[in-house]
Structures are given as C-alpha cells and as structure tokens.
Amino acid sequence: MIDVEKPVFLQISDESKDRVLHAGKVIGVEDNTYTCELARKEEISCQEGQAVFIYFEDHRTFMQQSARICSIAEAGSKLEITLETTSDPVSSETRQSYRVSTVILNITVAVAGEKDCPLLDISATGMAAITTSRHKLGAELPVVLSYDERKYTGKAIVRSDRELGTGRFRHGFHCVEDRRCRGNLQRGLGQVSASVQRLLIRRMSVA
C-alpha cells in the first residue's frame, strides 16, 4: 500500500521505446485504487484504460507495480490520474536504466555546438533533448551537460529523431563511453540522473 502524499513515478506504456518516468505524488487511496497528481507542464500522453507502471520507494527499495488508468482529470496546473493496480508490488532495483523526465526542471544541454537545448529526460546511459538542427541517426555528436555548477563533456550517438514542427526536433541520445572520447559525460549522466530523481522526490514531498 502506498501512503497518501508519498512521491511516485509513473511510466506510461507505449509512450516511448525508452522507459521514461514522470514524477508525481499520491493524493488519494481507496483499496487497490490510487489517485496521483502530476504536473501538467510535462508532455504526458495517456488515456483511460491504458496500462502504466507505478514506481516508489519502500524501506529504501525501489518498487514497481502495474496498474491501469481509470480516469484522467485536469486540476488547475496539475493532472490527476486515478489508477487501479493489477499486480502486487515487486522490487525494481534497476533505476539507472530508466529515463527520468526533466521537463519541469528547465535543464538545458549543448549539442553539437548548439547551446540551451531543452533537456527532456535523462538516465545513466542517455538522454533526450530538443534541438533546432536535425541530426542523422547514428551520428556521434559532442555534448556538454551543465548541472549544479558542474560541467560534463563527451559524445553521444543519435538513436532517435522526430520532427516537432516550427523548426524543432526531438532527439534521443546514447552516451559514448568516457574512455573512448576522453570525457566525463558518461559519469555525469549517472550522477545527474540520480540527483534529479532525489530532487523530484523532495519537490513532490512538499508540493
């Protein structure tokens, strides 16, 4: 059972090939049904009946539980999603492989010399960002990530490419190993991803 006001992450099925986690918190509990509050600023595509996964911490263990969406409602600047669980929670201690949405944090990254590219999500091995230049799949590009007064540099390979319109493109990147490019981006992604998860949990705890 997840308590009210407990921070959670939601993964929407079929939203992306990558496992992107959206931060929220539980605002209502009834039997095996939870109502979760998420920030509407994030681009979340979901519908009633869709399968989701709920992630939360329980005694310092990262847990996963499957559920389905019962209802979706807008509440001011928030999105309220009511979920019915469809399984018991199990351990999911592989959080480094999950991409955490960073939209509400307004983090930017430099890609191939283009500064201030909005960072959409991040994991220990990759990230997604919006650029004004279109890059070919498989291209290896220089990347500079600045976070918390530290700078991480290296290279990343373009794994996905989607046109958003108005001269903007969404790219997914996989980080090149630091030893190959003599950088520290790979190490930085792991540190920043973990830091972002902790920050989002703290924010939702006091929201």
Protein backbone atom coordinates (compact mmCIF):
# COMPACT_ATOMS: atom_id res chain seq x y z
CA MET A 1 0.00 0.00 0.00
CA ILE A 2 1.31 3.42 -0.99
CA ASP A 3 0.50 6.14 1.53
CA VAL A 4 -1.09 9.49 0.68
CA GLU A 5 1.46 12.24 -0.07
CA LYS A 6 4.07 9.62 -1.00
CA PRO A 7 6.16 10.57 -4.07
CA VAL A 8 5.84 8.17 -7.01
CA PHE A 9 6.98 7.86 -10.62
CA LEU A 10 4.65 6.77 -13.44
CA GLN A 11 5.72 5.03 -16.62
CA ILE A 12 3.10 5.21 -19.39
CA SER A 13 3.01 2.14 -21.64
CA ASP A 14 3.74 2.70 -25.35
CA GLU A 15 4.77 6.32 -24.64
CA SER A 16 8.32 5.71 -25.81
CA LYS A 17 10.77 2.93 -26.56
CA ASP A 18 12.73 4.28 -23.60
CA ARG A 19 11.35 3.89 -20.09
CA VAL A 20 10.55 7.48 -19.12
CA LEU A 21 9.42 8.13 -15.55
CA HIS A 22 7.11 11.06 -14.69
CA ALA A 23 7.26 12.37 -11.14
CA GLY A 24 4.09 12.74 -9.10
CA LYS A 25 2.59 12.03 -5.71
CA VAL A 26 -0.34 10.06 -4.31
CA ILE A 27 -3.24 12.27 -3.19
CA GLY A 28 -5.88 9.59 -2.65
CA VAL A 29 -6.04 5.90 -1.72
CA GLU A 30 -9.02 3.53 -1.70
CA ASP A 31 -8.47 -0.25 -1.62
CA ASN A 32 -6.35 -1.00 -4.72
CA THR A 33 -7.00 2.37 -6.35
CA TYR A 34 -4.67 5.37 -6.22
CA THR A 35 -5.15 8.95 -7.37
CA CYS A 36 -1.86 10.53 -8.42
CA GLU A 37 -1.10 14.18 -9.08
CA LEU A 38 1.35 15.14 -11.85
CA ALA A 39 2.49 18.48 -13.21
CA ARG A 40 0.66 19.34 -16.46
CA LYS A 41 3.76 21.12 -17.74
CA GLU A 42 5.11 17.76 -18.82
CA GLU A 43 4.03 16.37 -22.19
CA ILE A 44 2.22 13.25 -20.98
CA SER A 45 0.22 11.26 -23.49
CA CYS A 46 -2.20 8.86 -21.82
CA GLN A 47 -5.80 7.71 -21.93
CA GLU A 48 -8.32 5.77 -19.85
CA GLY A 49 -7.75 2.03 -19.86
CA GLN A 50 -4.05 2.40 -20.68
CA ALA A 51 -1.54 0.28 -18.78
CA VAL A 52 1.03 2.02 -16.58
CA PHE A 53 3.69 1.14 -14.04
CA ILE A 54 3.95 2.84 -10.65
CA TYR A 55 7.40 3.18 -9.07
CA PHE A 56 8.02 4.14 -5.45
CA GLU A 57 10.44 3.64 -2.61
CA ASP A 58 9.58 1.27 0.23
CA HIS A 59 12.15 0.91 3.02
CA ARG A 60 14.88 2.17 0.65
CA THR A 61 13.96 -0.37 -2.04
CA PHE A 62 12.75 0.86 -5.44
CA MET A 63 9.44 -0.94 -6.12
CA GLN A 64 7.35 -1.44 -9.27
CA GLN A 65 3.61 -2.15 -9.54
CA SER A 66 1.46 -2.48 -12.66
CA ALA A 67 -1.84 -0.64 -12.97
CA ARG A 68 -4.34 0.72 -15.46
CA ILE A 69 -5.74 4.22 -15.84
CA CYS A 70 -9.33 4.58 -14.63
CA SER A 71 -9.78 8.32 -15.15
CA ILE A 72 -7.88 11.49 -16.05
CA ALA A 73 -8.83 14.97 -14.86
CA GLU A 74 -7.27 18.41 -15.10
CA ALA A 75 -6.97 20.30 -11.81
CA GLY A 76 -5.53 23.74 -12.43
CA SER A 77 -1.87 23.35 -13.24
CA LYS A 78 -1.96 19.68 -12.25
CA LEU A 79 -3.11 16.45 -13.85
CA GLU A 80 -4.94 13.94 -11.65
CA ILE A 81 -4.80 10.31 -12.77
CA THR A 82 -6.76 7.59 -10.97
CA LEU A 83 -5.14 4.16 -11.22
CA GLU A 84 -6.30 0.65 -10.35
CA THR A 85 -3.42 -1.69 -9.54
CA THR A 86 -3.31 -5.00 -11.41
CA SER A 87 -0.47 -6.75 -9.56
CA ASP A 88 1.40 -6.84 -6.29
CA PRO A 89 4.48 -4.57 -5.99
CA VAL A 90 7.87 -6.14 -6.75
CA SER A 91 11.44 -4.93 -6.42
CA SER A 92 12.74 -2.96 -9.40
CA GLU A 93 16.27 -2.04 -8.39
CA THR A 94 17.42 -1.15 -11.92
CA ARG A 95 16.56 2.54 -11.80
CA GLN A 96 19.74 3.53 -13.69
CA SER A 97 18.17 2.10 -16.86
CA TYR A 98 15.12 4.35 -16.55
CA ARG A 99 14.89 7.78 -18.07
CA VAL A 100 13.51 10.40 -15.70
CA SER A 101 11.56 13.30 -17.18
CA THR A 102 13.32 16.64 -16.59
CA VAL A 103 10.82 18.94 -18.34
CA ILE A 104 9.67 20.70 -15.17
CA LEU A 105 13.27 21.42 -14.11
CA ASN A 106 14.18 23.54 -17.17
CA ILE A 107 17.62 21.94 -17.63
CA THR A 108 19.44 22.60 -20.90
CA VAL A 109 22.30 20.90 -22.73
CA ALA A 110 24.64 21.88 -25.58
CA VAL A 111 24.51 19.55 -28.60
CA ALA A 112 26.99 19.85 -31.47
CA GLY A 113 27.68 23.46 -30.51
CA GLU A 114 24.01 24.43 -30.16
CA LYS A 115 23.55 25.82 -26.66
CA ASP A 116 20.44 25.88 -24.45
CA CYS A 117 18.77 22.79 -25.93
CA PRO A 118 15.92 21.81 -23.55
CA LEU A 119 16.64 18.51 -21.81
CA LEU A 120 13.52 16.31 -21.82
CA ASP A 121 14.69 13.27 -19.90
CA ILE A 122 17.87 11.66 -18.61
CA SER A 123 19.23 8.30 -17.50
CA ALA A 124 22.64 6.91 -16.58
CA THR A 125 23.24 5.98 -20.22
CA GLY A 126 21.44 8.56 -22.32
CA MET A 127 19.08 11.49 -22.66
CA ALA A 128 16.59 13.23 -24.93
CA ALA A 129 16.71 16.89 -25.97
CA ILE A 130 15.11 19.34 -28.37
CA THR A 131 17.36 20.97 -31.00
CA THR A 132 16.81 23.37 -33.86
CA SER A 133 19.16 21.34 -36.08
CA ARG A 134 18.23 17.93 -37.40
CA HIS A 135 20.86 15.25 -36.82
CA LYS A 136 21.18 11.95 -38.64
CA LEU A 137 20.57 8.67 -36.86
CA GLY A 138 23.87 7.15 -35.80
CA ALA A 139 25.70 10.48 -35.80
CA GLU A 140 28.22 10.89 -32.97
CA LEU A 141 27.94 14.41 -31.59
CA PRO A 142 29.77 16.44 -28.93
CA VAL A 143 27.61 17.14 -25.88
CA VAL A 144 28.07 19.44 -22.89
CA LEU A 145 25.81 19.00 -19.88
CA SER A 146 25.91 21.66 -17.14
CA TYR A 147 24.21 20.93 -13.84
CA ASP A 148 24.64 22.17 -10.29
CA GLU A 149 27.65 24.31 -11.23
CA ARG A 150 29.46 21.35 -12.79
CA LYS A 151 30.15 20.67 -16.47
CA TYR A 152 30.22 17.25 -18.13
CA THR A 153 31.55 16.84 -21.65
CA GLY A 154 31.69 13.92 -24.06
CA LYS A 155 29.97 12.45 -27.09
CA ALA A 156 26.59 10.86 -27.70
CA ILE A 157 25.11 8.85 -30.58
CA VAL A 158 21.75 9.86 -32.09
CA ARG A 159 19.34 6.95 -31.54
CA SER A 160 16.02 8.60 -32.42
CA ASP A 161 14.83 11.61 -34.40
CA ARG A 162 11.37 13.17 -34.52
CA GLU A 163 10.26 16.45 -36.08
CA LEU A 164 8.15 18.57 -33.74
CA GLY A 165 7.34 21.39 -36.15
CA THR A 166 8.31 25.09 -36.03
CA GLY A 167 11.93 24.17 -36.70
CA ARG A 168 12.35 21.91 -33.66
CA PHE A 169 13.50 18.30 -33.48
CA ARG A 170 13.41 15.76 -30.65
CA HIS A 171 16.48 13.56 -30.49
CA GLY A 172 17.26 10.61 -28.26
CA PHE A 173 20.94 10.08 -27.46
CA HIS A 174 23.03 7.20 -26.14
CA CYS A 175 26.22 8.23 -24.38
CA VAL A 176 29.60 7.16 -25.75
CA GLU A 177 31.85 5.61 -23.08
CA ASP A 178 34.09 8.16 -21.40
CA ARG A 179 37.25 6.17 -22.16
CA ARG A 180 36.51 6.37 -25.89
CA CYS A 181 36.18 10.15 -26.04
CA ARG A 182 38.29 11.20 -23.04
CA GLY A 183 35.33 12.93 -21.43
CA ASN A 184 33.24 12.67 -18.28
CA LEU A 185 29.71 12.77 -19.74
CA GLN A 186 29.02 9.10 -19.00
CA ARG A 187 29.90 9.57 -15.35
CA GLY A 188 27.96 12.84 -15.27
CA LEU A 189 24.77 11.29 -16.64
CA GLY A 190 24.72 8.79 -13.80
CA GLN A 191 25.30 11.48 -11.19
CA VAL A 192 22.79 13.95 -12.66
CA SER A 193 20.13 11.25 -13.19
CA ALA A 194 20.35 10.17 -9.54
CA SER A 195 20.35 13.79 -8.37
CA VAL A 196 17.27 14.62 -10.48
CA GLN A 197 15.37 11.66 -9.04
CA ARG A 198 16.14 12.80 -5.49
CA LEU A 199 15.21 16.39 -6.34
CA LEU A 200 11.87 15.40 -7.86
CA ILE A 201 11.03 13.23 -4.87
CA ARG A 202 11.77 16.12 -2.50
CA ARG A 203 9.68 18.52 -4.57
CA MET A 204 6.69 16.22 -4.66
CA SER A 205 7.02 15.57 -0.92
CA VAL A 206 6.50 19.25 -0.12
CA ALA A 207 4.16 20.17 -3.00
